[in-house]
Amino acid sequence: MSHMIDHPLRQSSANELHARPFPTVAAPARAAFFAYKCADDETGRDEVADRAHLWRLLDMYDVAHPDGEATHFFGQLGSVWVKWECHTEFVSYTAILDDLGNVPFDGSEFDIFPAEWLADLPGLTLSSTSLRIEPDLETESIKGKLSDWFVSESLAVSRVLDNAAVIAGDYRMDGNGHLRFAVFVPPSTGRRRVGRIVQRLNEIEVYKTMSMLGLIRARALSSQLNLIDADMSELVAALADDQISAEDNLHALLRLSAKLEHHSARVAYRFAASKAYSAILAQRIEVLRERQFEGRQTFREFMMRRFDPAMRTVQALDARLQDLIARAIRTGDLLRTRVDVERQGQSQELLTSMNLRADVQLQLQKTVEGLSVVAISYYATGLVLYVLAPVAAMFDLPKGILTACVVPVVVGLVYLALRRIRRHMPR
């Protein structure tokens, strides 16, 4: 008996590897698959609503509910096996019937899902497919059926898993709004392998659709980036020609940068998700180990011609958005440098002006000091003359001579006093 203490997440992380088992399918059979996504939630889904909708379907068939925190379910509803899976952004349902029905691809495999229940899905349909699994590996027979069921121009066909099956589909919606896929298997192919092939086809379709959401967003973004690119080019040209001040240009650049950051915030998750989904899709196709069937294009070739250009468009728009953001940053640095230089020049001019004003003030101060010496000396001389008037009378000294003797002395004393005061004033 082990005495080790488990990490709280050990059991859940181990169970996650087995959370979505492959169904087992025996030919002949049909399968209906659809996936939906909440249109209002860009990055997730309403788990409570998704589970409640599954519970409603199970209640219609008197089937017990799985665990309240379940992210997958695989059980029998009447005579039909139904698989439910929760993913990060979408929810998928797969119904497997053990017959081929009366008419190929008539949509009757979706009858297991009541119309009123489908109408109340907590989201919008992303993808829906009808699959037909037949016990057939005769080349001519398969070619005849492919000609009857699919559009030759876009048909993709390949032998997969070392000739364990032939898969086919044209990725076109039929009158019921479903994509059609056919799987032809020999008796030697096991039920589990057939189930894996069916699930891989459904995964390829839904991951393709999820990836294409990025293309729709990229196309909408392209025209807006064109406008921002043109505005930024005009701004840089105006900066080079000194038509507008750097500070005005900086304000305009800030508005453009705000728009770019807004666009980046809106599409960052979608573009990253498209990249991740496209990588998963490529991996799903790779594990099928395709080989050509009678010279027809394989699923990998189909995706290379139709899907890969779309993903390159998304990558190009993402790169362009990041390039515009980087350009805005570089232009902002340049503008800020120019604004700093202009402000330093203004500061230098202000200092020069202040120095000139200080010189003028100094000259005025000297002039005022000179006038002050004269004014103070005038009044001081009058006071001294009043004080010395009796002395002048005693010696019979004329007032003019007394004044001439007093004025130089008074002026000199006043000048020296003011100079001493100025020296002791704080500078």
Protein backbone atom coordinates (compact mmCIF):
# COMPACT_ATOMS: atom_id res chain seq x y z
CA MET A 1 0.00 0.00 0.00
CA SER A 2 1.41 3.39 -1.05
CA HIS A 3 1.84 6.05 1.61
CA MET A 4 2.40 8.81 -0.95
CA ILE A 5 0.04 11.79 -0.93
CA ASP A 6 -1.44 12.62 -4.33
CA HIS A 7 -1.41 16.08 -5.81
CA PRO A 8 -4.98 17.48 -5.87
CA LEU A 9 -4.94 17.61 -9.68
CA ARG A 10 -3.32 14.22 -10.28
CA GLN A 11 -6.53 12.28 -10.83
CA SER A 12 -8.18 14.91 -13.03
CA SER A 13 -5.06 15.31 -15.18
CA ALA A 14 -4.83 11.54 -15.67
CA ASN A 15 -8.52 11.29 -16.53
CA GLU A 16 -8.21 14.09 -19.08
CA LEU A 17 -6.22 11.78 -21.37
CA HIS A 18 -9.26 9.49 -21.53
CA ALA A 19 -11.95 12.18 -21.51
CA ARG A 20 -12.92 11.83 -25.16
CA PRO A 21 -12.82 8.16 -26.22
CA PHE A 22 -13.32 7.24 -29.85
CA PRO A 23 -16.68 5.76 -30.76
CA THR A 24 -16.91 2.23 -32.14
CA VAL A 25 -18.61 1.98 -35.52
CA ALA A 26 -19.36 -1.09 -37.61
CA ALA A 27 -20.22 -0.85 -41.31
CA PRO A 28 -22.86 -0.39 -42.56
CA ALA A 29 -23.69 2.73 -40.55
CA ARG A 30 -24.53 6.40 -40.72
CA ALA A 31 -23.41 9.28 -38.54
CA ALA A 32 -24.68 12.79 -37.94
CA PHE A 33 -22.35 15.39 -36.51
CA PHE A 34 -22.82 19.04 -35.65
CA ALA A 35 -21.01 21.66 -33.58
CA TYR A 36 -22.25 24.98 -32.27
CA LYS A 37 -20.66 28.04 -30.72
CA CYS A 38 -21.96 30.94 -28.67
CA ALA A 39 -21.96 33.93 -31.01
CA ASP A 40 -21.73 36.51 -28.20
CA ASP A 41 -18.77 34.93 -26.42
CA GLU A 42 -15.54 35.22 -28.38
CA THR A 43 -13.34 33.19 -26.09
CA GLY A 44 -15.55 30.61 -24.42
CA ARG A 45 -19.06 29.30 -23.87
CA ASP A 46 -21.80 29.00 -21.26
CA GLU A 47 -21.05 25.64 -19.65
CA VAL A 48 -24.21 25.68 -17.52
CA ALA A 49 -26.44 26.28 -20.54
CA ASP A 50 -24.59 23.63 -22.58
CA ARG A 51 -25.06 20.96 -19.90
CA ALA A 52 -28.68 21.97 -19.29
CA HIS A 53 -29.40 21.51 -22.99
CA LEU A 54 -27.83 18.05 -22.95
CA TRP A 55 -29.87 17.14 -19.85
CA ARG A 56 -33.00 18.19 -21.74
CA LEU A 57 -32.14 15.85 -24.63
CA LEU A 58 -31.41 12.97 -22.24
CA ASP A 59 -34.69 13.56 -20.43
CA MET A 60 -36.54 13.19 -23.73
CA TYR A 61 -35.16 9.64 -23.98
CA ASP A 62 -35.26 8.84 -20.23
CA VAL A 63 -31.47 8.53 -20.05
CA ALA A 64 -29.59 9.16 -16.80
CA HIS A 65 -27.48 12.32 -16.58
CA PRO A 66 -23.68 12.11 -16.32
CA ASP A 67 -21.73 13.89 -13.61
CA GLY A 68 -22.64 17.54 -13.12
CA GLU A 69 -19.14 18.69 -14.12
CA ALA A 70 -18.87 16.34 -17.12
CA THR A 71 -17.27 17.60 -20.32
CA HIS A 72 -18.24 14.56 -22.43
CA PHE A 73 -20.96 11.93 -22.66
CA PHE A 74 -21.34 8.78 -24.75
CA GLY A 75 -24.50 6.78 -24.38
CA GLN A 76 -27.46 5.23 -26.15
CA LEU A 77 -30.61 7.20 -26.89
CA GLY A 78 -33.09 4.62 -28.06
CA SER A 79 -31.29 2.66 -30.74
CA VAL A 80 -28.82 5.45 -31.53
CA TRP A 81 -25.46 6.07 -29.89
CA VAL A 82 -24.87 9.76 -29.15
CA LYS A 83 -21.60 11.41 -28.22
CA TRP A 84 -21.44 14.88 -26.63
CA GLU A 85 -18.19 16.82 -26.19
CA CYS A 86 -17.40 20.20 -24.69
CA HIS A 87 -14.42 22.06 -26.10
CA THR A 88 -12.94 25.43 -25.20
CA GLU A 89 -15.04 27.38 -27.69
CA PHE A 90 -17.62 24.98 -29.05
CA VAL A 91 -19.78 21.96 -28.26
CA SER A 92 -20.25 18.99 -30.58
CA TYR A 93 -22.77 16.16 -30.90
CA THR A 94 -22.31 12.93 -32.87
CA ALA A 95 -25.10 10.44 -33.51
CA ILE A 96 -24.23 6.96 -34.85
CA LEU A 97 -26.89 4.76 -36.48
CA ASP A 98 -26.25 1.13 -37.45
CA ASP A 99 -28.05 1.27 -40.82
CA LEU A 100 -27.71 3.07 -44.14
CA GLY A 101 -31.28 4.36 -44.36
CA ASN A 102 -33.44 4.40 -47.46
CA VAL A 103 -31.84 7.24 -49.45
CA PRO A 104 -28.16 8.21 -49.25
CA PHE A 105 -27.58 11.53 -47.49
CA ASP A 106 -31.27 12.37 -47.02
CA GLY A 107 -30.53 13.95 -43.61
CA SER A 108 -32.67 11.44 -41.71
CA GLU A 109 -29.71 10.63 -39.41
CA PHE A 110 -30.38 13.97 -37.67
CA ASP A 111 -33.91 12.89 -36.70
CA ILE A 112 -32.56 11.68 -33.35
CA PHE A 113 -32.33 15.36 -32.41
CA PRO A 114 -35.87 16.83 -32.07
CA ALA A 115 -36.49 19.95 -34.14
CA GLU A 116 -37.62 22.04 -31.16
CA TRP A 117 -34.52 20.97 -29.23
CA LEU A 118 -32.24 21.98 -32.14
CA ALA A 119 -34.00 25.33 -32.41
CA ASP A 120 -33.17 26.08 -28.76
CA LEU A 121 -29.42 25.37 -28.96
CA PRO A 122 -27.48 27.80 -26.71
CA GLY A 123 -25.42 28.93 -29.68
CA LEU A 124 -25.22 29.02 -33.47
CA THR A 125 -24.31 26.10 -35.71
CA LEU A 126 -20.71 26.07 -36.84
CA SER A 127 -20.67 22.82 -38.74
CA SER A 128 -22.88 19.84 -39.52
CA THR A 129 -21.97 16.72 -41.46
CA SER A 130 -23.66 13.57 -42.72
CA LEU A 131 -21.41 10.51 -42.88
CA ARG A 132 -22.12 7.29 -44.65
CA ILE A 133 -20.06 4.20 -43.76
CA GLU A 134 -20.35 1.37 -46.29
CA PRO A 135 -18.68 -2.08 -46.40
CA ASP A 136 -17.16 -1.64 -49.83
CA LEU A 137 -13.60 -1.51 -51.16
CA GLU A 138 -14.21 -2.26 -54.85
CA THR A 139 -12.68 0.60 -56.83
CA GLU A 140 -15.26 0.74 -59.61
CA SER A 141 -18.16 0.55 -57.20
CA ILE A 142 -16.71 3.35 -55.09
CA LYS A 143 -16.06 5.51 -58.17
CA GLY A 144 -19.70 5.16 -59.25
CA LYS A 145 -21.00 6.18 -55.83
CA LEU A 146 -18.63 9.14 -55.64
CA SER A 147 -19.86 10.33 -59.01
CA ASP A 148 -23.47 10.15 -57.81
CA TRP A 149 -22.98 11.76 -54.39
CA PHE A 150 -20.33 14.45 -54.77
CA VAL A 151 -19.26 17.39 -56.95
CA SER A 152 -16.29 16.19 -58.95
CA GLU A 153 -14.55 19.58 -59.08
CA SER A 154 -13.96 19.80 -55.33
CA LEU A 155 -14.01 16.10 -54.42
CA ALA A 156 -11.22 14.86 -52.18
CA VAL A 157 -10.66 11.09 -51.96
CA SER A 158 -7.88 9.04 -50.41
CA ARG A 159 -6.98 5.64 -49.06
CA VAL A 160 -6.10 5.95 -45.38
CA LEU A 161 -4.40 3.98 -42.61
CA ASP A 162 -2.61 1.54 -44.89
CA ASN A 163 -5.68 0.85 -47.04
CA ALA A 164 -7.94 0.34 -44.05
CA ALA A 165 -10.57 2.60 -45.65
CA VAL A 166 -11.36 5.01 -48.44
CA ILE A 167 -12.66 8.40 -47.35
CA ALA A 168 -14.30 11.02 -49.57
CA GLY A 169 -15.97 14.41 -49.34
CA ASP A 170 -16.41 17.58 -51.38
CA TYR A 171 -16.90 20.12 -48.57
CA ARG A 172 -20.10 21.45 -50.14
CA MET A 173 -23.38 21.92 -48.29
CA ASP A 174 -26.31 19.86 -49.52
CA GLY A 175 -29.97 20.87 -49.53
CA ASN A 176 -30.23 20.13 -45.81
CA GLY A 177 -27.29 22.39 -44.96
CA HIS A 178 -24.92 19.49 -44.16
CA LEU A 179 -21.53 18.53 -45.55
CA ARG A 180 -21.29 14.99 -46.91
CA PHE A 181 -18.58 12.44 -46.23
CA ALA A 182 -18.36 8.79 -47.23
CA VAL A 183 -16.22 6.08 -45.66
CA PHE A 184 -15.74 2.76 -47.47
CA VAL A 185 -14.26 -0.04 -45.38
CA PRO A 186 -13.44 -3.72 -45.97
CA PRO A 187 -14.54 -6.41 -43.50
CA SER A 188 -11.00 -6.57 -42.09
CA THR A 189 -11.18 -3.04 -40.65
CA GLY A 190 -12.11 -3.12 -36.98
CA ARG A 191 -14.93 -1.16 -35.34
CA ARG A 192 -12.59 1.00 -33.30
CA ARG A 193 -10.53 1.96 -36.33
CA VAL A 194 -13.70 2.90 -38.22
CA GLY A 195 -14.75 4.99 -35.20
CA ARG A 196 -11.40 6.79 -35.23
CA ILE A 197 -11.75 7.54 -38.94
CA VAL A 198 -15.24 8.94 -38.43
CA GLN A 199 -14.10 11.13 -35.56
CA ARG A 200 -11.05 12.35 -37.49
CA LEU A 201 -13.26 13.44 -40.39
CA ASN A 202 -15.55 15.33 -38.04
CA GLU A 203 -12.60 16.93 -36.26
CA ILE A 204 -11.03 18.01 -39.55
CA GLU A 205 -14.28 19.69 -40.53
CA VAL A 206 -14.92 21.52 -37.26
CA TYR A 207 -11.30 22.64 -36.83
CA LYS A 208 -11.32 23.89 -40.41
CA THR A 209 -14.43 25.92 -39.68
CA MET A 210 -13.00 27.32 -36.44
CA SER A 211 -9.82 28.30 -38.27
CA MET A 212 -11.80 30.05 -40.99
CA LEU A 213 -13.36 32.37 -38.42
CA GLY A 214 -9.98 34.09 -38.33
CA LEU A 215 -10.16 34.68 -42.09
CA ILE A 216 -13.52 36.43 -41.78
CA ARG A 217 -12.09 38.66 -39.06
CA ALA A 218 -8.95 39.29 -41.14
CA ARG A 219 -10.96 40.42 -44.16
CA ALA A 220 -12.95 42.84 -42.03
CA LEU A 221 -9.73 44.18 -40.51
CA SER A 222 -7.90 44.62 -43.81
CA SER A 223 -9.80 47.73 -44.97
CA GLN A 224 -9.39 49.38 -41.57
CA LEU A 225 -5.64 48.73 -41.59
CA ASN A 226 -5.45 50.27 -45.06
CA LEU A 227 -6.90 53.53 -43.69
CA ILE A 228 -4.57 53.54 -40.68
CA ASP A 229 -1.58 52.76 -42.90
CA ALA A 230 -2.43 55.69 -45.20
CA ASP A 231 -2.89 58.06 -42.24
CA MET A 232 0.42 56.97 -40.73
CA SER A 233 2.24 57.47 -44.04
CA GLU A 234 0.82 61.00 -44.30
CA LEU A 235 1.86 61.69 -40.73
CA VAL A 236 5.44 60.55 -41.35
CA ALA A 237 5.59 62.61 -44.56
CA ALA A 238 4.35 65.71 -42.71
CA LEU A 239 6.98 65.08 -40.04
CA ALA A 240 9.72 64.90 -42.66
CA ASP A 241 8.54 68.12 -44.37
CA ASP A 242 8.06 70.03 -41.09
CA GLN A 243 4.55 70.93 -42.24
CA ILE A 244 3.06 70.34 -38.81
CA SER A 245 4.66 70.72 -35.43
CA ALA A 246 5.98 67.57 -33.85
CA GLU A 247 3.63 67.98 -30.90
CA ASP A 248 0.55 68.09 -33.17
CA ASN A 249 1.89 65.04 -35.02
CA LEU A 250 2.36 63.26 -31.71
CA HIS A 251 -1.29 63.78 -30.79
CA ALA A 252 -2.37 62.42 -34.19
CA LEU A 253 -0.07 59.42 -33.75
CA LEU A 254 -1.56 58.70 -30.33
CA ARG A 255 -5.01 58.47 -31.91
CA LEU A 256 -3.72 56.04 -34.54
CA SER A 257 -1.93 53.98 -31.89
CA ALA A 258 -5.14 53.76 -29.86
CA LYS A 259 -6.98 52.42 -32.92
CA LEU A 260 -4.26 49.85 -33.57
CA GLU A 261 -4.31 48.63 -29.98
CA HIS A 262 -8.11 48.39 -30.14
CA HIS A 263 -7.94 46.25 -33.28
CA SER A 264 -5.17 44.13 -31.80
CA ALA A 265 -7.20 43.46 -28.66
CA ARG A 266 -10.22 42.43 -30.75
CA VAL A 267 -8.43 40.00 -33.07
CA ALA A 268 -5.51 38.70 -30.99
CA TYR A 269 -7.41 35.74 -29.57
CA ARG A 270 -9.11 34.89 -32.87
CA PHE A 271 -5.87 34.93 -34.85
CA ALA A 272 -4.05 32.86 -32.22
CA ALA A 273 -6.95 30.39 -32.16
CA SER A 274 -6.92 30.08 -35.95
CA LYS A 275 -3.22 29.28 -35.82
CA ALA A 276 -3.78 26.62 -33.15
CA TYR A 277 -6.78 25.07 -34.92
CA SER A 278 -4.98 24.93 -38.27
CA ALA A 279 -2.07 23.13 -36.59
CA ILE A 280 -4.49 20.57 -35.09
CA LEU A 281 -6.17 20.12 -38.47
CA ALA A 282 -2.83 19.43 -40.16
CA GLN A 283 -2.02 16.88 -37.45
CA ARG A 284 -5.40 15.16 -37.87
CA ILE A 285 -4.84 14.81 -41.60
CA GLU A 286 -1.29 13.60 -41.07
CA VAL A 287 -2.32 10.71 -38.82
CA LEU A 288 -4.67 9.40 -41.55
CA ARG A 289 -1.60 8.50 -43.65
CA GLU A 290 -3.30 9.28 -46.95
CA ARG A 291 -2.56 7.72 -50.32
CA GLN A 292 -4.13 8.77 -53.62
CA PHE A 293 -7.24 7.05 -54.91
CA GLU A 294 -7.38 6.78 -58.70
CA GLY A 295 -5.45 10.01 -59.18
CA ARG A 296 -7.90 12.10 -57.16
CA GLN A 297 -6.73 14.86 -54.87
CA THR A 298 -6.26 13.86 -51.26
CA PHE A 299 -7.62 15.78 -48.28
CA ARG A 300 -4.14 17.19 -47.70
CA GLU A 301 -4.01 18.46 -51.29
CA PHE A 302 -7.50 19.90 -50.98
CA MET A 303 -6.53 21.79 -47.84
CA MET A 304 -3.27 22.93 -49.42
CA ARG A 305 -5.18 24.50 -52.32
CA ARG A 306 -8.28 25.82 -50.51
CA PHE A 307 -7.50 26.12 -46.80
CA ASP A 308 -3.80 26.98 -46.52
CA PRO A 309 -4.12 30.27 -48.52
CA ALA A 310 -6.81 31.38 -46.09
CA MET A 311 -4.54 30.71 -43.13
CA ARG A 312 -1.68 32.55 -44.83
CA THR A 313 -4.03 35.52 -45.22
CA VAL A 314 -4.73 35.45 -41.49
CA GLN A 315 -1.02 35.24 -40.72
CA ALA A 316 -0.27 38.07 -43.15
CA LEU A 317 -2.91 40.33 -41.58
CA ASP A 318 -1.62 39.51 -38.11
CA ALA A 319 1.95 40.31 -39.21
CA ARG A 320 0.78 43.54 -40.84
CA LEU A 321 -1.05 44.59 -37.68
CA GLN A 322 2.04 43.93 -35.57
CA ASP A 323 4.19 45.79 -38.11
CA LEU A 324 1.90 48.83 -37.94
CA ILE A 325 2.07 48.77 -34.15
CA ALA A 326 5.88 48.59 -34.32
CA ARG A 327 5.93 51.46 -36.85
CA ALA A 328 3.72 53.53 -34.56
CA ILE A 329 6.13 52.88 -31.69
CA ARG A 330 9.16 53.89 -33.77
CA THR A 331 7.41 56.99 -35.10
CA GLY A 332 6.33 57.86 -31.58
CA ASP A 333 9.91 57.65 -30.37
CA LEU A 334 11.02 59.92 -33.20
CA LEU A 335 8.24 62.42 -32.52
CA ARG A 336 8.96 62.45 -28.81
CA THR A 337 12.61 63.16 -29.60
CA ARG A 338 11.63 66.05 -31.85
CA VAL A 339 9.22 67.40 -29.25
CA ASP A 340 11.99 67.26 -26.64
CA VAL A 341 14.37 69.06 -29.01
CA GLU A 342 11.76 71.72 -29.77
CA ARG A 343 11.05 72.20 -26.09
CA GLN A 344 14.75 72.46 -25.32
CA GLY A 345 15.04 75.14 -28.01
CA GLN A 346 12.09 76.98 -26.49
CA SER A 347 13.68 76.69 -23.07
CA GLN A 348 16.95 78.09 -24.43
CA GLU A 349 15.12 81.01 -26.00
CA LEU A 350 13.31 81.62 -22.74
CA LEU A 351 16.59 81.62 -20.80
CA THR A 352 18.13 84.04 -23.29
CA SER A 353 15.10 86.30 -22.97
CA MET A 354 15.31 86.10 -19.19
CA ASN A 355 19.01 87.06 -19.34
CA LEU A 356 18.21 90.08 -21.49
CA ARG A 357 15.47 91.13 -19.10
CA ALA A 358 17.89 90.70 -16.19
CA ASP A 359 20.44 92.93 -17.95
CA VAL A 360 17.79 95.57 -18.55
CA GLN A 361 16.65 95.33 -14.96
CA LEU A 362 20.26 95.73 -13.82
CA GLN A 363 20.68 98.86 -15.91
CA LEU A 364 17.41 100.22 -14.58
CA GLN A 365 18.54 99.37 -11.07
CA LYS A 366 21.80 101.26 -11.55
CA THR A 367 19.91 104.22 -12.99
CA VAL A 368 17.48 104.16 -10.07
CA GLU A 369 20.38 103.93 -7.64
CA GLY A 370 21.98 106.97 -9.26
CA LEU A 371 18.74 108.91 -9.05
CA SER A 372 18.34 107.73 -5.49
CA VAL A 373 21.78 109.15 -4.61
CA VAL A 374 20.77 112.50 -6.10
CA ALA A 375 17.36 112.56 -4.39
CA ILE A 376 18.68 111.47 -0.99
CA SER A 377 21.65 113.83 -1.27
CA TYR A 378 19.28 116.74 -2.08
CA TYR A 379 17.17 116.19 1.01
CA ALA A 380 20.23 115.36 3.18
CA THR A 381 21.96 118.56 2.03
CA GLY A 382 18.88 120.59 3.00
CA LEU A 383 18.90 119.06 6.48
CA VAL A 384 22.65 119.65 6.93
CA LEU A 385 22.28 123.29 5.84
CA TYR A 386 19.53 123.78 8.39
CA VAL A 387 21.81 122.31 11.06
CA LEU A 388 24.88 124.40 10.01
CA ALA A 389 22.99 127.65 9.39
CA PRO A 390 23.72 129.01 12.93
CA VAL A 391 27.41 128.13 12.58
CA ALA A 392 27.60 129.91 9.21
CA ALA A 393 26.00 132.99 10.77
CA MET A 394 28.56 133.04 13.59
CA PHE A 395 31.43 133.08 11.13
CA ASP A 396 29.62 135.31 8.66
CA LEU A 397 29.96 132.53 6.01
CA PRO A 398 27.82 133.01 2.88
CA LYS A 399 25.17 130.32 2.26
CA GLY A 400 26.48 129.55 -1.25
CA ILE A 401 29.95 128.74 0.03
CA LEU A 402 28.51 126.60 2.81
CA THR A 403 26.36 124.74 0.34
CA ALA A 404 29.33 124.17 -2.00
CA CYS A 405 31.26 122.69 0.89
CA VAL A 406 28.44 120.51 2.17
CA VAL A 407 27.15 119.01 -1.11
CA PRO A 408 30.26 116.93 -2.05
CA VAL A 409 30.52 115.53 1.42
CA VAL A 410 26.82 114.62 1.64
CA VAL A 411 26.78 113.07 -1.84
CA GLY A 412 29.86 111.00 -1.07
CA LEU A 413 28.46 109.77 2.23
CA VAL A 414 25.10 108.86 0.64
CA TYR A 415 26.83 106.99 -2.19
CA LEU A 416 29.02 105.00 0.21
CA ALA A 417 26.02 104.17 2.41
CA LEU A 418 23.93 102.85 -0.50
CA ARG A 419 26.87 100.84 -1.81
CA ARG A 420 27.39 99.27 1.61
CA ILE A 421 23.70 98.36 1.83
CA ARG A 422 23.76 96.77 -1.66
CA ARG A 423 26.80 94.67 -0.76
CA HIS A 424 25.09 93.27 2.32
CA MET A 425 21.85 92.40 0.53
CA PRO A 426 21.33 88.63 -0.26
CA ARG A 427 21.91 87.77 -3.90
